[in-house]
N, C-alpha and C. Protein backbone atom coordinates (compact mmCIF):
# COMPACT_ATOMS: atom_id res chain seq x y z
N MET A 1 0.85 -1.17 0.00
CA MET A 1 0.00 0.00 0.00
C MET A 1 0.90 1.23 0.00
N THR A 2 0.59 2.16 -0.86
CA THR A 2 1.38 3.39 -0.94
C THR A 2 0.94 4.37 0.14
N ASP A 3 1.78 5.36 0.40
CA ASP A 3 1.43 6.39 1.38
C ASP A 3 0.15 7.12 0.97
N ARG A 4 0.00 7.36 -0.31
CA ARG A 4 -1.19 8.06 -0.81
C ARG A 4 -2.44 7.22 -0.58
N GLU A 5 -2.36 5.91 -0.84
CA GLU A 5 -3.50 5.03 -0.61
C GLU A 5 -3.88 5.01 0.86
N LEU A 6 -2.87 4.96 1.73
CA LEU A 6 -3.13 4.97 3.17
C LEU A 6 -3.78 6.29 3.59
N GLU A 7 -3.27 7.38 3.05
CA GLU A 7 -3.84 8.70 3.36
C GLU A 7 -5.30 8.78 2.93
N LEU A 8 -5.60 8.29 1.72
CA LEU A 8 -6.98 8.30 1.23
C LEU A 8 -7.88 7.40 2.07
N ALA A 9 -7.36 6.24 2.47
CA ALA A 9 -8.15 5.33 3.30
C ALA A 9 -8.47 5.97 4.64
N GLU A 10 -7.47 6.63 5.24
CA GLU A 10 -7.70 7.30 6.52
C GLU A 10 -8.72 8.42 6.37
N LEU A 11 -8.63 9.17 5.29
CA LEU A 11 -9.58 10.26 5.04
C LEU A 11 -10.99 9.71 4.88
N LEU A 12 -11.13 8.62 4.13
CA LEU A 12 -12.44 8.00 3.93
C LEU A 12 -13.01 7.50 5.25
N ILE A 13 -12.19 6.85 6.05
CA ILE A 13 -12.65 6.35 7.34
C ILE A 13 -13.09 7.50 8.22
N ASP A 14 -12.31 8.58 8.26
CA ASP A 14 -12.68 9.75 9.06
C ASP A 14 -14.01 10.34 8.62
N GLN A 15 -14.21 10.42 7.32
CA GLN A 15 -15.45 11.00 6.80
C GLN A 15 -16.65 10.12 7.07
N LEU A 16 -16.47 8.81 6.99
CA LEU A 16 -17.60 7.90 7.15
C LEU A 16 -17.92 7.58 8.60
N THR A 17 -16.91 7.50 9.44
CA THR A 17 -17.14 7.02 10.80
C THR A 17 -16.76 7.99 11.89
N GLY A 18 -15.84 8.87 11.62
CA GLY A 18 -15.35 9.75 12.66
C GLY A 18 -14.43 9.03 13.63
N VAL A 19 -13.96 7.82 13.27
CA VAL A 19 -13.09 7.04 14.14
C VAL A 19 -11.65 7.49 13.92
N ASP A 20 -10.92 7.69 15.01
CA ASP A 20 -9.51 8.05 14.94
C ASP A 20 -8.69 6.77 14.98
N ILE A 21 -8.10 6.38 13.84
CA ILE A 21 -7.37 5.11 13.77
C ILE A 21 -5.93 5.23 14.24
N THR A 22 -5.49 6.43 14.60
CA THR A 22 -4.10 6.58 15.02
C THR A 22 -3.82 5.86 16.33
N GLY A 23 -4.84 5.63 17.14
CA GLY A 23 -4.65 4.94 18.41
C GLY A 23 -4.81 3.44 18.32
N LEU A 24 -5.14 2.93 17.15
CA LEU A 24 -5.34 1.49 17.00
C LEU A 24 -4.01 0.77 16.90
N HIS A 25 -3.97 -0.45 17.40
CA HIS A 25 -2.74 -1.25 17.39
C HIS A 25 -3.03 -2.59 16.73
N ASP A 26 -2.16 -3.00 15.83
CA ASP A 26 -2.30 -4.28 15.14
C ASP A 26 -1.59 -5.36 15.94
N ASP A 27 -2.35 -6.08 16.77
CA ASP A 27 -1.77 -7.12 17.62
C ASP A 27 -1.16 -8.25 16.80
N TYR A 28 -1.79 -8.60 15.69
CA TYR A 28 -1.27 -9.69 14.86
C TYR A 28 0.09 -9.33 14.29
N ALA A 29 0.22 -8.12 13.74
CA ALA A 29 1.49 -7.70 13.16
C ALA A 29 2.58 -7.64 14.23
N ALA A 30 2.23 -7.16 15.42
CA ALA A 30 3.21 -7.09 16.50
C ALA A 30 3.67 -8.48 16.92
N ALA A 31 2.74 -9.42 17.02
CA ALA A 31 3.09 -10.80 17.39
C ALA A 31 3.93 -11.45 16.30
N LEU A 32 3.61 -11.17 15.05
CA LEU A 32 4.38 -11.72 13.93
C LEU A 32 5.80 -11.17 13.94
N GLU A 33 5.95 -9.88 14.17
CA GLU A 33 7.29 -9.28 14.24
C GLU A 33 8.09 -9.89 15.39
N GLN A 34 7.43 -10.12 16.52
CA GLN A 34 8.09 -10.73 17.67
C GLN A 34 8.52 -12.16 17.34
N LEU A 35 7.69 -12.91 16.66
CA LEU A 35 8.01 -14.28 16.27
C LEU A 35 9.20 -14.31 15.32
N VAL A 36 9.19 -13.44 14.32
CA VAL A 36 10.29 -13.40 13.35
C VAL A 36 11.59 -13.02 14.05
N ALA A 37 11.55 -12.02 14.92
CA ALA A 37 12.75 -11.60 15.64
C ALA A 37 13.28 -12.73 16.52
N ALA A 38 12.39 -13.46 17.20
CA ALA A 38 12.81 -14.57 18.05
C ALA A 38 13.44 -15.68 17.23
N LYS A 39 12.88 -15.98 16.08
CA LYS A 39 13.43 -17.03 15.23
C LYS A 39 14.79 -16.62 14.66
N MET A 40 14.94 -15.34 14.35
CA MET A 40 16.21 -14.88 13.79
C MET A 40 17.34 -14.95 14.81
N THR A 41 17.02 -14.74 16.08
CA THR A 41 18.05 -14.77 17.12
C THR A 41 18.18 -16.14 17.75
N GLY A 42 17.29 -17.06 17.40
CA GLY A 42 17.35 -18.41 17.97
C GLY A 42 16.78 -18.48 19.37
N ALA A 43 16.11 -17.44 19.80
CA ALA A 43 15.52 -17.40 21.14
C ALA A 43 14.32 -18.32 21.21
N GLY A 44 14.01 -18.78 22.41
CA GLY A 44 12.84 -19.62 22.60
C GLY A 44 11.56 -18.83 22.41
N LEU A 45 10.52 -19.52 22.06
CA LEU A 45 9.23 -18.88 21.83
C LEU A 45 8.31 -19.15 23.01
N GLU A 46 7.49 -18.16 23.33
CA GLU A 46 6.51 -18.32 24.40
C GLU A 46 5.35 -19.17 23.90
N GLU A 47 4.80 -19.95 24.81
CA GLU A 47 3.61 -20.72 24.47
C GLU A 47 2.44 -19.76 24.30
N PRO A 48 1.60 -19.99 23.31
CA PRO A 48 0.44 -19.10 23.14
C PRO A 48 -0.55 -19.26 24.29
N ALA A 49 -1.27 -18.20 24.58
CA ALA A 49 -2.29 -18.23 25.62
C ALA A 49 -3.44 -19.12 25.17
N GLU A 50 -4.21 -19.57 26.14
CA GLU A 50 -5.39 -20.37 25.82
C GLU A 50 -6.33 -19.55 24.94
N PRO A 51 -6.90 -20.17 23.93
CA PRO A 51 -7.81 -19.43 23.06
C PRO A 51 -9.06 -18.98 23.82
N VAL A 52 -9.53 -17.81 23.45
CA VAL A 52 -10.75 -17.26 24.04
C VAL A 52 -11.94 -17.89 23.31
N PRO A 53 -12.97 -18.31 24.06
CA PRO A 53 -14.13 -18.90 23.39
C PRO A 53 -14.75 -17.92 22.39
N ALA A 54 -15.23 -18.46 21.30
CA ALA A 54 -15.84 -17.63 20.26
C ALA A 54 -17.14 -17.02 20.76
N VAL A 55 -17.40 -15.81 20.32
CA VAL A 55 -18.62 -15.11 20.68
C VAL A 55 -19.71 -15.51 19.69
N ASP A 56 -20.91 -15.74 20.20
CA ASP A 56 -22.05 -16.05 19.33
C ASP A 56 -22.50 -14.73 18.71
N LEU A 57 -22.08 -14.49 17.48
CA LEU A 57 -22.36 -13.21 16.83
C LEU A 57 -23.85 -12.95 16.63
N MET A 58 -24.61 -14.00 16.31
CA MET A 58 -26.05 -13.81 16.12
C MET A 58 -26.71 -13.39 17.42
N ALA A 59 -26.33 -14.01 18.53
CA ALA A 59 -26.91 -13.64 19.82
C ALA A 59 -26.53 -12.20 20.18
N ALA A 60 -25.28 -11.82 19.91
CA ALA A 60 -24.84 -10.46 20.20
C ALA A 60 -25.59 -9.45 19.32
N LEU A 61 -25.80 -9.79 18.05
CA LEU A 61 -26.54 -8.91 17.15
C LEU A 61 -27.98 -8.76 17.59
N GLU A 62 -28.62 -9.87 17.95
CA GLU A 62 -30.01 -9.81 18.42
C GLU A 62 -30.12 -8.98 19.69
N ALA A 63 -29.15 -9.13 20.61
CA ALA A 63 -29.17 -8.35 21.85
C ALA A 63 -29.00 -6.87 21.54
N SER A 64 -28.13 -6.53 20.59
CA SER A 64 -27.93 -5.13 20.21
C SER A 64 -29.19 -4.54 19.60
N ILE A 65 -29.85 -5.32 18.76
CA ILE A 65 -31.08 -4.85 18.12
C ILE A 65 -32.17 -4.63 19.17
N GLN A 66 -32.29 -5.57 20.10
CA GLN A 66 -33.30 -5.42 21.16
C GLN A 66 -32.99 -4.21 22.03
N ALA A 67 -31.72 -4.01 22.37
CA ALA A 67 -31.34 -2.87 23.21
C ALA A 67 -31.60 -1.56 22.48
N ALA A 68 -31.35 -1.52 21.19
CA ALA A 68 -31.55 -0.29 20.41
C ALA A 68 -33.02 0.01 20.21
N SER A 69 -33.87 -1.02 20.22
CA SER A 69 -35.29 -0.79 19.97
C SER A 69 -36.04 -0.38 21.23
N LYS A 70 -35.40 -0.50 22.40
CA LYS A 70 -36.05 -0.08 23.65
C LYS A 70 -35.97 1.43 23.77
N PRO A 71 -37.06 2.05 24.23
CA PRO A 71 -37.06 3.52 24.35
C PRO A 71 -36.15 4.04 25.43
């Protein structure tokens, strides 16, 4: 992605949502960088944390709709 494409994407996001993405952090990219650095130095790797149970998206959506429809 070019700098111009990133700039346009940020502008579009700002116009559509008003969300400030400068404070967002990419956990996946950070973990990948850490993994690559550890492999390059031959350091041991940490065991991954236990997976978090999946959220029932339909139940969450229905709850949001019900909450939004209440006066």
